[in-house]
Protein backbone atom coordinates (compact mmCIF):
# COMPACT_ATOMS: atom_id res chain seq x y z
CA MET A 1 227.73 181.09 209.48
CA GLU A 2 229.51 177.86 208.72
CA LEU A 3 227.14 175.17 207.48
CA ALA A 4 229.64 172.28 207.73
CA PRO A 5 229.20 171.82 211.52
CA HIS A 6 225.45 171.49 211.02
CA VAL A 7 225.90 168.89 208.28
CA GLU A 8 228.34 167.01 210.53
CA ALA A 9 225.85 167.18 213.42
CA ILE A 10 223.20 165.53 211.22
CA ARG A 11 225.73 162.84 210.25
CA ASP A 12 226.64 162.26 213.91
CA ASP A 13 222.97 162.01 214.91
CA VAL A 14 222.36 159.31 212.31
CA ALA A 15 225.60 157.53 213.30
CA GLN A 16 224.43 157.39 216.93
CA LEU A 17 221.20 155.72 215.78
CA LEU A 18 223.26 153.05 214.03
CA ALA A 19 225.86 152.61 216.78
CA GLY A 20 227.29 149.11 216.94
CA GLU A 21 226.24 148.06 213.45
CA ALA A 22 229.40 148.08 211.32
CA ALA A 23 227.65 147.36 208.01
CA ALA A 24 225.15 150.15 208.64
CA LEU A 25 227.93 152.61 209.54
CA ASP A 26 229.74 151.76 206.28
CA THR A 27 226.51 152.39 204.38
CA LEU A 28 226.04 155.63 206.29
CA GLU A 29 229.52 156.81 205.26
CA ARG A 30 228.77 156.19 201.57
CA LEU A 31 225.34 157.78 201.92
CA HIS A 32 226.83 160.83 203.65
CA ARG A 33 229.16 161.47 200.71
CA ALA A 34 226.18 161.20 198.35
CA VAL A 35 223.82 163.56 200.19
CA ASP A 36 226.31 166.06 201.66
CA ALA A 37 225.72 168.60 198.86
CA SER A 38 221.95 168.14 199.07
CA VAL A 39 221.95 168.81 202.82
CA GLN A 40 224.08 171.95 202.25
CA LEU A 41 221.61 173.21 199.64
CA ARG A 42 218.62 172.52 201.91
CA LEU A 43 220.28 174.48 204.72
CA GLN A 44 220.96 177.36 202.33
CA ASP A 45 217.30 177.24 201.22
CA ALA A 46 216.19 177.44 204.86
CA ILE A 47 218.50 180.42 205.44
CA GLY A 48 217.12 182.10 202.30
CA GLU A 49 213.54 181.61 203.49
CA ALA A 50 214.47 183.02 206.90
CA ALA A 51 216.00 186.08 205.19
CA GLN A 52 212.83 186.61 203.15
CA GLU A 53 210.64 186.33 206.22
CA LEU A 54 212.82 188.79 208.13
CA SER A 55 212.76 191.20 205.19
CA THR A 56 208.96 191.27 205.18
CA GLN A 57 208.97 192.19 208.88
CA LEU A 58 211.48 195.04 208.57
CA PRO A 59 210.08 198.57 208.23
CA ALA A 60 212.90 199.53 205.84
CA GLY A 61 215.65 197.69 204.01
CA HIS A 62 215.97 193.94 203.57
CA VAL A 63 218.10 190.96 204.55
CA ASP A 64 220.48 189.41 202.00
CA VAL A 65 222.01 185.96 202.12
CA ARG A 66 225.64 186.14 201.03
CA LEU A 67 227.50 182.97 200.22
CA ALA A 68 231.24 182.44 200.41
CA GLY A 69 232.09 178.88 199.45
CA ARG A 70 229.91 176.75 201.70
CA ASP A 71 229.45 179.46 204.31
CA ALA A 72 226.40 181.73 204.44
CA ALA A 73 225.90 185.11 206.06
CA LEU A 74 222.73 187.09 206.71
CA VAL A 75 223.35 190.79 206.05
CA TYR A 76 220.97 193.68 206.68
CA VAL A 77 220.87 196.08 203.72
CA GLY A 78 219.25 199.41 204.52
CA GLN A 79 217.23 201.43 202.09
CA PRO A 80 219.46 203.48 199.79
CA GLU A 81 219.05 207.19 200.28
CA PRO A 82 217.21 208.54 197.27
CA VAL A 83 219.24 210.87 195.13
CA PRO A 84 217.24 214.03 194.59
CA ALA A 85 216.60 214.56 190.91
CA SER A 86 217.51 218.25 191.20
CA SER A 87 221.07 217.41 192.35
CA PHE A 88 222.09 216.44 188.85
CA GLU A 89 219.46 218.21 186.75
CA GLU A 90 221.62 221.29 186.62
CA ASP A 91 225.39 221.53 186.84
CA GLU A 92 227.76 224.48 186.55
CA ALA A 93 227.51 224.52 182.76
CA GLY A 94 223.71 224.66 182.73
CA THR A 95 221.51 222.19 180.96
CA ALA A 96 221.57 220.71 177.49
CA ARG A 97 218.60 219.77 175.39
CA ILE A 98 218.52 216.53 173.44
CA THR A 99 215.90 214.81 171.34
CA LEU A 100 215.18 211.22 172.27
CA ARG A 101 213.14 209.03 169.97
CA LEU A 102 211.42 206.11 171.70
CA PRO A 103 209.03 203.47 170.45
CA GLU A 104 205.50 204.32 171.64
CA SER A 105 205.33 201.22 173.87
CA LEU A 106 208.59 202.16 175.62
CA LYS A 107 207.48 205.77 176.00
CA SER A 108 204.31 204.57 177.75
CA ARG A 109 206.35 202.42 180.13
CA VAL A 110 208.68 205.34 180.89
CA GLU A 111 205.69 207.56 181.67
CA GLU A 112 204.23 204.89 183.97
CA ALA A 113 207.55 204.45 185.79
CA ALA A 114 207.96 208.20 186.22
CA ALA A 115 204.43 208.50 187.58
CA ARG A 116 205.06 205.62 190.01
CA ASP A 117 208.12 207.47 191.33
CA GLY A 118 206.25 210.78 191.48
CA LEU A 119 208.59 212.44 188.96
CA SER A 120 208.26 214.14 185.62
CA VAL A 121 209.39 212.08 182.64
CA ASN A 122 212.39 214.41 182.25
CA ALA A 123 213.46 214.07 185.90
CA TRP A 124 212.99 210.30 185.75
CA LEU A 125 215.10 210.01 182.58
CA VAL A 126 217.81 212.24 184.08
CA ARG A 127 217.95 209.99 187.15
CA VAL A 128 218.13 206.80 185.04
CA VAL A 129 220.87 208.23 182.81
CA HIS A 130 222.78 209.46 185.87
CA ARG A 131 222.71 205.97 187.38
CA GLY A 132 223.79 204.49 184.07
CA VAL A 133 226.89 206.63 183.67
CA ASN A 134 228.00 206.74 187.33
CA PRO A 135 229.26 203.72 189.23
CA PRO A 136 226.83 202.51 191.90
CA VAL A 137 227.53 203.07 195.58
CA PHE A 138 228.60 199.87 197.37
CA GLY A 139 225.68 198.29 199.20
CA VAL A 140 223.10 199.72 196.80
CA GLU A 141 223.93 197.68 193.73
CA VAL A 142 226.90 195.40 193.24
CA ARG A 143 227.50 193.93 189.85
CA PRO A 144 229.32 190.61 189.66
CA THR A 145 232.86 190.70 188.39
CA ARG A 146 234.94 187.91 186.96
CA SER A 147 238.49 187.32 188.14
CA GLY A 148 240.06 184.28 186.55
CA SER A 149 237.64 181.38 186.94
CA ARG A 150 235.91 182.86 189.98
CA ILE A 151 232.84 185.08 189.94
CA THR A 152 232.32 187.45 192.85
CA GLY A 153 229.39 189.65 193.73
CA TYR A 154 225.97 189.44 195.33
CA ALA A 155 222.64 188.12 194.16
CA GLN A 156 219.20 189.10 195.26
CA SER A 157 216.12 186.98 194.83
């Protein structure tokens, strides 16, 4: 969705209010240059709030706001299909045993996270390690990349 036409419509509405007053139109032109960026940001804020409200009403998934320059797009992102822990717990070579030493506070947090997900600590750790060593599937998690002086990617609030 292009935001520039909406900003121009606001400018035209104010210009119609000041029709016939040359000094006021000159002031309006200078004011427009000063507040153009602010109006763009306010429109993006409104779009972001709309996306959040839509997301709370969806039974699954959420709505992202994706920005490209001054243009914004609302994109539905479905729930990622959970990867069953058993799919990578065992491979053709069998399993390997390792010893992992964790600080007690981190171990407690790992146990809580595993319980929240309804998994054993081992299955939870296998899933986390699997995600860490395999590239994410597009649409589930996109990490920003830098190309020259431009950063691309998606953000979620």
